[in-house]
Amino acid sequence: MRTLTTLSLLLLFSAPVLANDGPTGRWKTIDDKSGKPRSIVEIQLDASGALQGTIVHIFPIEGQPDDPVCEKCPGELKDRPVKGMTILKGLKPEGTQWTGGTVLDPENGKTYDCFLELQDGGKKLKLRGFVGGPLFGRTQYWFRLE
């Protein structure tokens, strides 16, 4: 009976962990202004074990090119297609968050420090981008694709 109770508790507390792979997977981003889907970002582990996120799909916006380029990005990213661009880099687990990374906003070409946090049982991802400290930034919520 004791073994059954221990096994039941183990399964109960490990279910949320088994339900998702942390933030790895595909996420739908939402435009801050329109509230409409903007892109799909695939988050994976890189060779160093840090998270990186790449835009794998862009939802067309009326009046804009179907395959936009990063006109305001600096250096080698300037005028490169946004689809296929790695916009998240260097995030490592720290408690319930992934921290120490950066996020690139292809709309303005700027890179921000950021952290990620899973919410709603791993179905929603809170991404906070900031300059200087988390107090000075903006939060987006991304939604996991099944």
C-alpha atoms as a PDB file:
ATOM      1  CA  MET A   1       0.000   0.000   0.000  1.00  0.00           C
ATOM      2  CA  ARG A   2       2.847   2.361   0.844  1.00  0.00           C
ATOM      3  CA  THR A   3       4.469   1.750  -2.537  1.00  0.00           C
ATOM      4  CA  LEU A   4       1.178   2.494  -4.308  1.00  0.00           C
ATOM      5  CA  THR A   5       0.796   5.767  -2.387  1.00  0.00           C
ATOM      6  CA  THR A   6       4.381   6.783  -3.192  1.00  0.00           C
ATOM      7  CA  LEU A   7       3.915   5.915  -6.871  1.00  0.00           C
ATOM      8  CA  SER A   8       0.627   7.857  -7.005  1.00  0.00           C
ATOM      9  CA  LEU A   9       2.230  10.949  -5.471  1.00  0.00           C
ATOM     10  CA  LEU A  10       5.179  10.708  -7.830  1.00  0.00           C
ATOM     11  CA  LEU A  11       2.897  10.564 -10.868  1.00  0.00           C
ATOM     12  CA  LEU A  12       0.722  13.379  -9.570  1.00  0.00           C
ATOM     13  CA  PHE A  13       3.635  15.776  -9.082  1.00  0.00           C
ATOM     14  CA  SER A  14       5.468  14.821 -12.271  1.00  0.00           C
ATOM     15  CA  ALA A  15       2.416  15.184 -14.547  1.00  0.00           C
ATOM     16  CA  PRO A  16       2.928  18.914 -15.192  1.00  0.00           C
ATOM     17  CA  VAL A  17       6.561  18.278 -16.092  1.00  0.00           C
ATOM     18  CA  LEU A  18       5.610  15.448 -18.429  1.00  0.00           C
ATOM     19  CA  ALA A  19       2.877  17.545 -20.041  1.00  0.00           C
ATOM     20  CA  ASN A  20       5.357  19.874 -21.727  1.00  0.00           C
ATOM     21  CA  ASP A  21       9.025  20.178 -22.554  1.00  0.00           C
ATOM     22  CA  GLY A  22       9.498  23.530 -20.890  1.00  0.00           C
ATOM     23  CA  PRO A  23       9.423  26.321 -23.419  1.00  0.00           C
ATOM     24  CA  THR A  24      10.699  24.201 -26.313  1.00  0.00           C
ATOM     25  CA  GLY A  25       8.211  23.826 -29.141  1.00  0.00           C
ATOM     26  CA  ARG A  26       6.204  26.098 -31.418  1.00  0.00           C
ATOM     27  CA  TRP A  27       4.545  29.278 -30.159  1.00  0.00           C
ATOM     28  CA  LYS A  28       2.074  31.665 -31.778  1.00  0.00           C
ATOM     29  CA  THR A  29       2.951  35.316 -31.195  1.00  0.00           C
ATOM     30  CA  ILE A  30       0.283  38.009 -31.065  1.00  0.00           C
ATOM     31  CA  ASP A  31       0.635  41.562 -32.400  1.00  0.00           C
ATOM     32  CA  ASP A  32       0.496  44.062 -29.519  1.00  0.00           C
ATOM     33  CA  LYS A  33      -1.534  46.604 -31.462  1.00  0.00           C
ATOM     34  CA  SER A  34      -4.016  44.533 -33.484  1.00  0.00           C
ATOM     35  CA  GLY A  35      -4.313  41.503 -31.195  1.00  0.00           C
ATOM     36  CA  LYS A  36      -4.003  39.253 -34.270  1.00  0.00           C
ATOM     37  CA  PRO A  37      -1.532  36.386 -34.764  1.00  0.00           C
ATOM     38  CA  ARG A  38       1.799  37.710 -36.025  1.00  0.00           C
ATOM     39  CA  SER A  39       4.162  34.757 -36.304  1.00  0.00           C
ATOM     40  CA  ILE A  40       5.096  31.277 -35.171  1.00  0.00           C
ATOM     41  CA  VAL A  41       8.372  30.949 -33.291  1.00  0.00           C
ATOM     42  CA  GLU A  42      10.056  27.603 -32.751  1.00  0.00           C
ATOM     43  CA  ILE A  43      12.040  27.425 -29.522  1.00  0.00           C
ATOM     44  CA  GLN A  44      14.791  24.809 -29.267  1.00  0.00           C
ATOM     45  CA  LEU A  45      17.892  24.102 -27.228  1.00  0.00           C
ATOM     46  CA  ASP A  46      21.145  25.129 -28.888  1.00  0.00           C
ATOM     47  CA  ALA A  47      24.432  23.214 -28.596  1.00  0.00           C
ATOM     48  CA  SER A  48      25.270  24.927 -25.277  1.00  0.00           C
ATOM     49  CA  GLY A  49      21.910  23.976 -23.721  1.00  0.00           C
ATOM     50  CA  ALA A  50      20.501  27.509 -23.966  1.00  0.00           C
ATOM     51  CA  LEU A  51      17.153  28.277 -25.587  1.00  0.00           C
ATOM     52  CA  GLN A  52      16.958  29.896 -28.967  1.00  0.00           C
ATOM     53  CA  GLY A  53      13.853  30.874 -30.924  1.00  0.00           C
ATOM     54  CA  THR A  54      13.490  31.142 -34.679  1.00  0.00           C
ATOM     55  CA  ILE A  55      10.596  32.597 -36.659  1.00  0.00           C
ATOM     56  CA  VAL A  56       9.261  29.742 -38.815  1.00  0.00           C
ATOM     57  CA  HIS A  57       6.032  31.336 -40.094  1.00  0.00           C
ATOM     58  CA  ILE A  58       4.680  34.839 -40.596  1.00  0.00           C
ATOM     59  CA  PHE A  59       0.975  35.599 -40.762  1.00  0.00           C
ATOM     60  CA  PRO A  60       0.348  38.049 -43.625  1.00  0.00           C
ATOM     61  CA  ILE A  61      -0.770  41.557 -42.762  1.00  0.00           C
ATOM     62  CA  GLU A  62      -2.812  43.488 -45.279  1.00  0.00           C
ATOM     63  CA  GLY A  63      -0.734  46.161 -46.988  1.00  0.00           C
ATOM     64  CA  GLN A  64       2.601  44.601 -45.996  1.00  0.00           C
ATOM     65  CA  PRO A  65       4.815  42.155 -47.899  1.00  0.00           C
ATOM     66  CA  ASP A  66       4.095  38.459 -47.288  1.00  0.00           C
ATOM     67  CA  ASP A  67       7.824  37.840 -46.721  1.00  0.00           C
ATOM     68  CA  PRO A  68       9.060  40.932 -44.829  1.00  0.00           C
ATOM     69  CA  VAL A  69      12.717  41.774 -44.291  1.00  0.00           C
ATOM     70  CA  CYS A  70      14.312  43.349 -41.242  1.00  0.00           C
ATOM     71  CA  GLU A  71      14.892  46.835 -42.636  1.00  0.00           C
ATOM     72  CA  LYS A  72      15.939  48.317 -39.269  1.00  0.00           C
ATOM     73  CA  CYS A  73      18.171  45.482 -38.086  1.00  0.00           C
ATOM     74  CA  PRO A  74      21.872  46.313 -37.689  1.00  0.00           C
ATOM     75  CA  GLY A  75      24.826  44.636 -39.357  1.00  0.00           C
ATOM     76  CA  GLU A  76      24.449  41.326 -41.142  1.00  0.00           C
ATOM     77  CA  LEU A  77      20.738  41.041 -40.265  1.00  0.00           C
ATOM     78  CA  LYS A  78      19.835  44.212 -42.163  1.00  0.00           C
ATOM     79  CA  ASP A  79      17.431  43.493 -45.031  1.00  0.00           C
ATOM     80  CA  ARG A  80      17.416  39.768 -44.223  1.00  0.00           C
ATOM     81  CA  PRO A  81      14.082  37.885 -44.335  1.00  0.00           C
ATOM     82  CA  VAL A  82      12.337  37.850 -40.967  1.00  0.00           C
ATOM     83  CA  LYS A  83      11.160  34.283 -41.591  1.00  0.00           C
ATOM     84  CA  GLY A  84      14.052  32.043 -40.562  1.00  0.00           C
ATOM     85  CA  MET A  85      15.567  34.708 -38.297  1.00  0.00           C
ATOM     86  CA  THR A  86      16.677  33.680 -34.806  1.00  0.00           C
ATOM     87  CA  ILE A  87      15.144  36.238 -32.448  1.00  0.00           C
ATOM     88  CA  LEU A  88      15.679  34.569 -29.029  1.00  0.00           C
ATOM     89  CA  LYS A  89      19.137  33.615 -27.792  1.00  0.00           C
ATOM     90  CA  GLY A  90      20.988  32.550 -24.682  1.00  0.00           C
ATOM     91  CA  LEU A  91      18.170  31.781 -22.228  1.00  0.00           C
ATOM     92  CA  LYS A  92      19.084  29.371 -19.417  1.00  0.00           C
ATOM     93  CA  PRO A  93      16.861  27.927 -16.670  1.00  0.00           C
ATOM     94  CA  GLU A  94      16.853  29.720 -13.323  1.00  0.00           C
ATOM     95  CA  GLY A  95      14.150  28.544 -10.939  1.00  0.00           C
ATOM     96  CA  THR A  96      10.803  28.770 -12.763  1.00  0.00           C
ATOM     97  CA  GLN A  97      12.149  31.152 -15.417  1.00  0.00           C
ATOM     98  CA  TRP A  98      14.605  31.128 -18.295  1.00  0.00           C
ATOM     99  CA  THR A  99      16.891  34.155 -17.989  1.00  0.00           C
ATOM    100  CA  GLY A 100      20.075  35.769 -19.254  1.00  0.00           C
ATOM    101  CA  GLY A 101      19.063  35.907 -22.887  1.00  0.00           C
ATOM    102  CA  THR A 102      18.119  38.413 -25.535  1.00  0.00           C
ATOM    103  CA  VAL A 103      15.190  38.976 -27.871  1.00  0.00           C
ATOM    104  CA  LEU A 104      15.329  40.804 -31.203  1.00  0.00           C
ATOM    105  CA  ASP A 105      12.315  42.844 -32.289  1.00  0.00           C
ATOM    106  CA  PRO A 106      12.388  42.702 -36.125  1.00  0.00           C
ATOM    107  CA  GLU A 107       9.947  45.626 -36.293  1.00  0.00           C
ATOM    108  CA  ASN A 108      12.449  48.112 -34.864  1.00  0.00           C
ATOM    109  CA  GLY A 109      15.710  46.161 -35.222  1.00  0.00           C
ATOM    110  CA  LYS A 110      16.527  46.458 -31.524  1.00  0.00           C
ATOM    111  CA  THR A 111      17.739  43.718 -29.206  1.00  0.00           C
ATOM    112  CA  TYR A 112      16.566  43.572 -25.595  1.00  0.00           C
ATOM    113  CA  ASP A 113      17.502  41.549 -22.535  1.00  0.00           C
ATOM    114  CA  CYS A 114      14.696  39.131 -21.702  1.00  0.00           C
ATOM    115  CA  PHE A 115      13.347  36.326 -19.588  1.00  0.00           C
ATOM    116  CA  LEU A 116      10.674  33.678 -20.181  1.00  0.00           C
ATOM    117  CA  GLU A 117       8.198  32.080 -17.832  1.00  0.00           C
ATOM    118  CA  LEU A 118       5.650  29.344 -18.562  1.00  0.00           C
ATOM    119  CA  GLN A 119       2.082  29.944 -17.414  1.00  0.00           C
ATOM    120  CA  ASP A 120      -1.281  28.187 -17.615  1.00  0.00           C
ATOM    121  CA  GLY A 121       0.214  24.700 -17.310  1.00  0.00           C
ATOM    122  CA  GLY A 122       2.734  25.332 -20.094  1.00  0.00           C
ATOM    123  CA  LYS A 123       0.162  26.540 -22.636  1.00  0.00           C
ATOM    124  CA  LYS A 124       1.159  30.205 -22.365  1.00  0.00           C
ATOM    125  CA  LEU A 125       4.597  31.793 -22.387  1.00  0.00           C
ATOM    126  CA  LYS A 126       5.312  35.131 -20.758  1.00  0.00           C
ATOM    127  CA  LEU A 127       8.189  36.911 -22.488  1.00  0.00           C
ATOM    128  CA  ARG A 128       9.514  40.071 -20.838  1.00  0.00           C
ATOM    129  CA  GLY A 129      11.915  42.183 -22.910  1.00  0.00           C
ATOM    130  CA  PHE A 130      13.669  45.108 -21.249  1.00  0.00           C
ATOM    131  CA  VAL A 131      16.525  47.598 -21.204  1.00  0.00           C
ATOM    132  CA  GLY A 132      18.528  47.953 -18.006  1.00  0.00           C
ATOM    133  CA  GLY A 133      16.123  45.967 -15.826  1.00  0.00           C
ATOM    134  CA  PRO A 134      12.759  44.174 -16.039  1.00  0.00           C
ATOM    135  CA  LEU A 135      11.003  47.250 -14.667  1.00  0.00           C
ATOM    136  CA  PHE A 136      11.710  49.090 -17.934  1.00  0.00           C
ATOM    137  CA  GLY A 137      10.273  46.871 -20.617  1.00  0.00           C
ATOM    138  CA  ARG A 138       7.298  45.222 -22.204  1.00  0.00           C
ATOM    139  CA  THR A 139       5.624  41.856 -21.799  1.00  0.00           C
ATOM    140  CA  GLN A 140       4.199  39.667 -24.535  1.00  0.00           C
ATOM    141  CA  TYR A 141       2.279  36.422 -24.180  1.00  0.00           C
ATOM    142  CA  TRP A 142       2.804  33.630 -26.680  1.00  0.00           C
ATOM    143  CA  PHE A 143       0.566  30.583 -27.010  1.00  0.00           C
ATOM    144  CA  ARG A 144       1.764  27.010 -27.477  1.00  0.00           C
ATOM    145  CA  LEU A 145       0.744  25.254 -30.662  1.00  0.00           C
ATOM    146  CA  GLU A 146      -0.376  21.664 -30.192  1.00  0.00           C
END
